[in-house]
Amino acid sequence: MKNSKRNFDIEAATWDEEPIRVQLAKDLFRAISEEIVLTPTMDALDFGCGTGLVTIQLSERVGHVTGVDSSQGMLDVLEHKIQSYPIKNITPRRVDLDCGDVLDGLYDLVVSTMTLHHIREVMPLLEQFARVLKPGGHLCIADLDPEHGEFHGNNEGVFHLGFERCGLRDLLARAAFVDISDRSAAAVVKPDASGKMKTFAVFLVTGRRAQ
């Protein structure tokens, strides 16, 4: 498994051209909306927002969304969407944990979809999520169940080949989250490295910052 940082800037321009990726974002937003009551008064953070496939759906249900990503190329695509539609309640923000950046602000909801496996040290990030959530605020993390490195093909920038749900629940508990639960959220059917079609399971883990 290659651990060097993946250059998402190069992929940004064509990111949304992959139908599987677009459908996954729809499935994950549906799962989030089934678990969390989304309201127009909510201030949300989408960590690892990419081109905004989940961010834009979220913006239609909450008051404001801050879309955070380490890739300026991805954020440029999101900014273009914001200006084109136009969308008034999304703020893109570049945050690169590898450069020492930290999350700021205070939010009712933090979501992160298909990003955690690209984070080398998970626990410090969960602690940051807890710090920027208001008391009683919700966290939603969607990512892969354990797999054998076949989901991406090229595992550059992949630090975790999926997650055991129980292990991630334990980490959330250590980060002072309560009411932690998990569910299956989506299934991605795509070719593995040999070209054989394979189904990859994606979960959603939710938790709430204690009051």
Protein backbone atom coordinates (compact mmCIF):
# COMPACT_ATOMS: atom_id res chain seq x y z
CA MET A 1 0.00 0.00 0.00
CA LYS A 2 1.43 3.36 -1.04
CA ASN A 3 1.21 5.99 1.66
CA SER A 4 2.36 9.11 -0.17
CA LYS A 5 -0.18 11.91 -0.39
CA ARG A 6 -2.55 11.62 -3.33
CA ASN A 7 -2.76 14.63 -5.64
CA PHE A 8 -6.50 15.30 -5.75
CA ASP A 9 -5.89 18.62 -7.55
CA ILE A 10 -5.14 16.68 -10.75
CA GLU A 11 -8.33 14.61 -10.46
CA ALA A 12 -10.64 17.47 -9.52
CA ALA A 13 -11.69 18.56 -13.02
CA THR A 14 -13.08 15.12 -13.93
CA TRP A 15 -14.09 13.95 -10.45
CA ASP A 16 -17.84 14.23 -11.04
CA GLU A 17 -17.70 12.33 -14.34
CA GLU A 18 -17.71 8.98 -12.50
CA PRO A 19 -21.36 7.85 -12.13
CA ILE A 20 -20.53 5.44 -9.29
CA ARG A 21 -19.06 8.31 -7.29
CA VAL A 22 -22.09 10.54 -7.88
CA GLN A 23 -24.50 7.76 -6.91
CA LEU A 24 -22.53 6.97 -3.77
CA ALA A 25 -22.82 10.59 -2.64
CA LYS A 26 -26.59 10.40 -3.11
CA ASP A 27 -26.80 7.13 -1.16
CA LEU A 28 -24.70 8.47 1.69
CA PHE A 29 -26.67 11.70 1.96
CA ARG A 30 -29.87 9.66 2.05
CA ALA A 31 -28.47 7.59 4.92
CA ILE A 32 -27.39 10.72 6.80
CA SER A 33 -30.81 12.33 6.38
CA GLU A 34 -32.49 9.17 7.65
CA GLU A 35 -30.41 9.21 10.84
CA ILE A 36 -30.23 12.95 11.59
CA VAL A 37 -33.07 15.45 11.61
CA LEU A 38 -31.76 18.18 9.31
CA THR A 39 -33.20 21.65 9.89
CA PRO A 40 -32.78 25.13 8.36
CA THR A 41 -31.25 26.37 11.62
CA MET A 42 -28.27 24.01 11.43
CA ASP A 43 -24.70 25.12 10.78
CA ALA A 44 -22.84 22.15 9.26
CA LEU A 45 -19.26 21.22 8.41
CA ASP A 46 -18.47 18.81 5.57
CA PHE A 47 -14.92 17.56 6.13
CA GLY A 48 -13.26 16.24 2.98
CA CYS A 49 -15.97 17.83 0.87
CA GLY A 50 -14.19 17.40 -2.46
CA THR A 51 -16.25 18.87 -5.30
CA GLY A 52 -19.29 19.17 -3.04
CA LEU A 53 -21.30 16.11 -4.09
CA VAL A 54 -22.60 15.73 -0.52
CA THR A 55 -22.11 19.38 0.46
CA ILE A 56 -24.64 20.69 -2.06
CA GLN A 57 -27.28 18.15 -1.04
CA LEU A 58 -26.69 19.11 2.58
CA SER A 59 -27.01 22.83 1.78
CA GLU A 60 -30.58 22.23 0.59
CA ARG A 61 -31.63 21.04 4.04
CA VAL A 62 -29.59 23.11 6.53
CA GLY A 63 -28.86 26.78 7.10
CA HIS A 64 -25.18 26.88 6.16
CA VAL A 65 -22.42 24.43 5.20
CA THR A 66 -18.69 24.98 5.47
CA GLY A 67 -17.00 22.68 2.95
CA VAL A 68 -13.48 21.81 4.05
CA ASP A 69 -10.87 20.05 1.95
CA SER A 70 -7.08 19.92 1.63
CA SER A 71 -7.24 20.08 -2.19
CA GLN A 72 -7.52 23.55 -3.68
CA GLY A 73 -8.41 21.97 -7.02
CA MET A 74 -11.45 20.27 -5.48
CA LEU A 75 -12.49 23.49 -3.76
CA ASP A 76 -12.14 25.40 -7.04
CA VAL A 77 -14.67 23.03 -8.64
CA LEU A 78 -17.00 23.51 -5.68
CA GLU A 79 -16.61 27.29 -5.92
CA HIS A 80 -17.52 27.13 -9.61
CA LYS A 81 -20.71 25.25 -8.74
CA ILE A 82 -21.55 27.80 -6.05
CA GLN A 83 -21.19 30.66 -8.50
CA SER A 84 -22.99 28.88 -11.34
CA TYR A 85 -26.14 27.72 -9.57
CA PRO A 86 -25.86 30.09 -7.55
CA ILE A 87 -25.73 28.80 -3.97
CA LYS A 88 -25.72 31.28 -1.10
CA ASN A 89 -25.14 29.06 1.94
CA ILE A 90 -21.89 27.18 1.25
CA THR A 91 -18.46 28.46 2.25
CA PRO A 92 -15.44 26.52 0.85
CA ARG A 93 -12.38 26.48 3.07
CA ARG A 94 -8.97 24.89 2.55
CA VAL A 95 -7.68 23.00 5.61
CA ASP A 96 -4.64 20.75 5.31
CA LEU A 97 -4.01 18.71 8.45
CA ASP A 98 -0.60 17.64 7.13
CA CYS A 99 0.47 21.30 7.14
CA GLY A 100 -0.66 21.80 10.72
CA ASP A 101 -4.02 23.39 9.94
CA VAL A 102 -6.82 22.84 12.44
CA LEU A 103 -10.58 23.04 12.21
CA ASP A 104 -12.30 26.09 13.64
CA GLY A 105 -15.82 27.35 14.11
CA LEU A 106 -18.71 25.77 15.99
CA TYR A 107 -21.23 23.52 14.30
CA ASP A 108 -24.46 21.62 14.90
CA LEU A 109 -23.42 18.85 12.51
CA VAL A 110 -20.13 17.47 11.17
CA VAL A 111 -20.19 15.03 8.26
CA SER A 112 -17.31 13.25 6.57
CA THR A 113 -17.87 10.81 3.72
CA MET A 114 -15.23 8.52 2.21
CA THR A 115 -12.42 10.63 3.66
CA LEU A 116 -11.34 8.93 6.88
CA HIS A 117 -9.31 6.22 5.13
CA HIS A 118 -7.12 9.00 3.72
CA ILE A 119 -6.29 10.28 7.23
CA ARG A 120 -3.12 8.85 8.74
CA GLU A 121 -3.97 9.53 12.40
CA VAL A 122 -7.69 9.15 12.99
CA MET A 123 -7.96 9.87 16.72
CA PRO A 124 -6.67 13.47 16.61
CA LEU A 125 -9.19 14.24 13.89
CA LEU A 126 -12.07 12.80 15.92
CA GLU A 127 -10.95 14.98 18.82
CA GLN A 128 -11.05 18.00 16.51
CA PHE A 129 -14.55 17.04 15.41
CA ALA A 130 -15.62 16.94 19.07
CA ARG A 131 -14.03 20.33 19.70
CA VAL A 132 -15.88 22.12 16.88
CA LEU A 133 -19.27 20.54 17.60
CA LYS A 134 -21.73 22.32 19.81
CA PRO A 135 -22.89 20.35 22.87
CA GLY A 136 -25.45 17.89 21.58
CA GLY A 137 -24.19 18.29 18.01
CA HIS A 138 -24.04 15.29 15.69
CA LEU A 139 -21.17 13.58 13.87
CA CYS A 140 -21.70 11.40 10.78
CA ILE A 141 -18.83 9.42 9.28
CA ALA A 142 -19.24 7.23 6.21
CA ASP A 143 -16.45 4.97 5.03
CA LEU A 144 -15.58 1.48 3.84
CA ASP A 145 -15.93 -1.74 5.73
CA PRO A 146 -12.59 -3.63 5.78
CA GLU A 147 -11.39 -4.52 2.28
CA HIS A 148 -8.17 -5.80 0.73
CA GLY A 149 -6.98 -2.70 -1.08
CA GLU A 150 -9.06 -3.32 -4.18
CA PHE A 151 -11.48 -0.42 -3.87
CA HIS A 152 -9.10 2.23 -5.21
CA GLY A 153 -6.77 0.11 -7.29
CA ASN A 154 -4.02 2.67 -6.77
CA ASN A 155 -3.73 3.00 -3.00
CA GLU A 156 -1.63 6.13 -3.01
CA GLY A 157 -2.71 8.23 -0.07
CA VAL A 158 -4.74 5.39 1.48
CA PHE A 159 -3.77 4.76 5.09
CA HIS A 160 -6.61 2.41 6.11
CA LEU A 161 -8.12 -0.41 4.07
CA GLY A 162 -11.53 0.24 5.55
CA PHE A 163 -12.51 0.18 9.21
CA GLU A 164 -14.00 -2.29 11.63
CA ARG A 165 -17.18 -0.60 12.80
CA CYS A 166 -16.74 -1.65 16.42
CA GLY A 167 -13.23 -0.22 16.43
CA LEU A 168 -14.40 3.11 15.07
CA ARG A 169 -17.24 3.21 17.59
CA ASP A 170 -14.66 2.71 20.34
CA LEU A 171 -12.59 5.61 19.01
CA LEU A 172 -15.65 7.87 19.01
CA ALA A 173 -16.35 6.91 22.61
CA ARG A 174 -12.76 7.78 23.54
CA ALA A 175 -13.28 11.16 21.87
CA ALA A 176 -16.24 11.76 24.24
CA PHE A 177 -19.06 11.04 21.81
CA VAL A 178 -22.25 9.39 23.06
CA ASP A 179 -25.26 7.68 21.46
CA ILE A 180 -22.92 6.02 18.98
CA SER A 181 -24.39 3.69 16.39
CA ASP A 182 -23.63 2.29 12.96
CA ARG A 183 -25.55 1.04 9.96
CA SER A 184 -24.94 -0.05 6.40
CA ALA A 185 -25.29 2.97 4.14
CA ALA A 186 -24.40 1.95 0.58
CA ALA A 187 -22.95 -0.76 -1.61
CA VAL A 188 -20.51 0.09 -4.40
CA VAL A 189 -20.23 -2.43 -7.24
CA LYS A 190 -17.09 -1.92 -9.30
CA PRO A 191 -14.25 -3.94 -10.85
CA ASP A 192 -11.39 -5.01 -8.61
CA ALA A 193 -7.76 -5.06 -9.76
CA SER A 194 -8.38 -8.23 -11.80
CA GLY A 195 -11.41 -6.75 -13.54
CA LYS A 196 -13.88 -8.92 -11.65
CA MET A 197 -16.96 -7.10 -10.38
CA LYS A 198 -16.96 -6.84 -6.61
CA THR A 199 -19.27 -5.28 -4.04
CA PHE A 200 -17.77 -2.95 -1.45
CA ALA A 201 -19.83 -2.11 1.64
CA VAL A 202 -19.96 1.42 3.02
CA PHE A 203 -21.13 2.13 6.57
CA LEU A 204 -22.38 5.18 8.41
CA VAL A 205 -21.34 5.73 12.01
CA THR A 206 -23.11 8.45 13.96
CA GLY A 207 -22.48 9.96 17.36
CA ARG A 208 -23.41 12.97 19.44
CA ARG A 209 -21.21 15.28 21.44
CA ALA A 210 -22.22 15.07 25.08
CA GLN A 211 -24.15 18.03 26.48
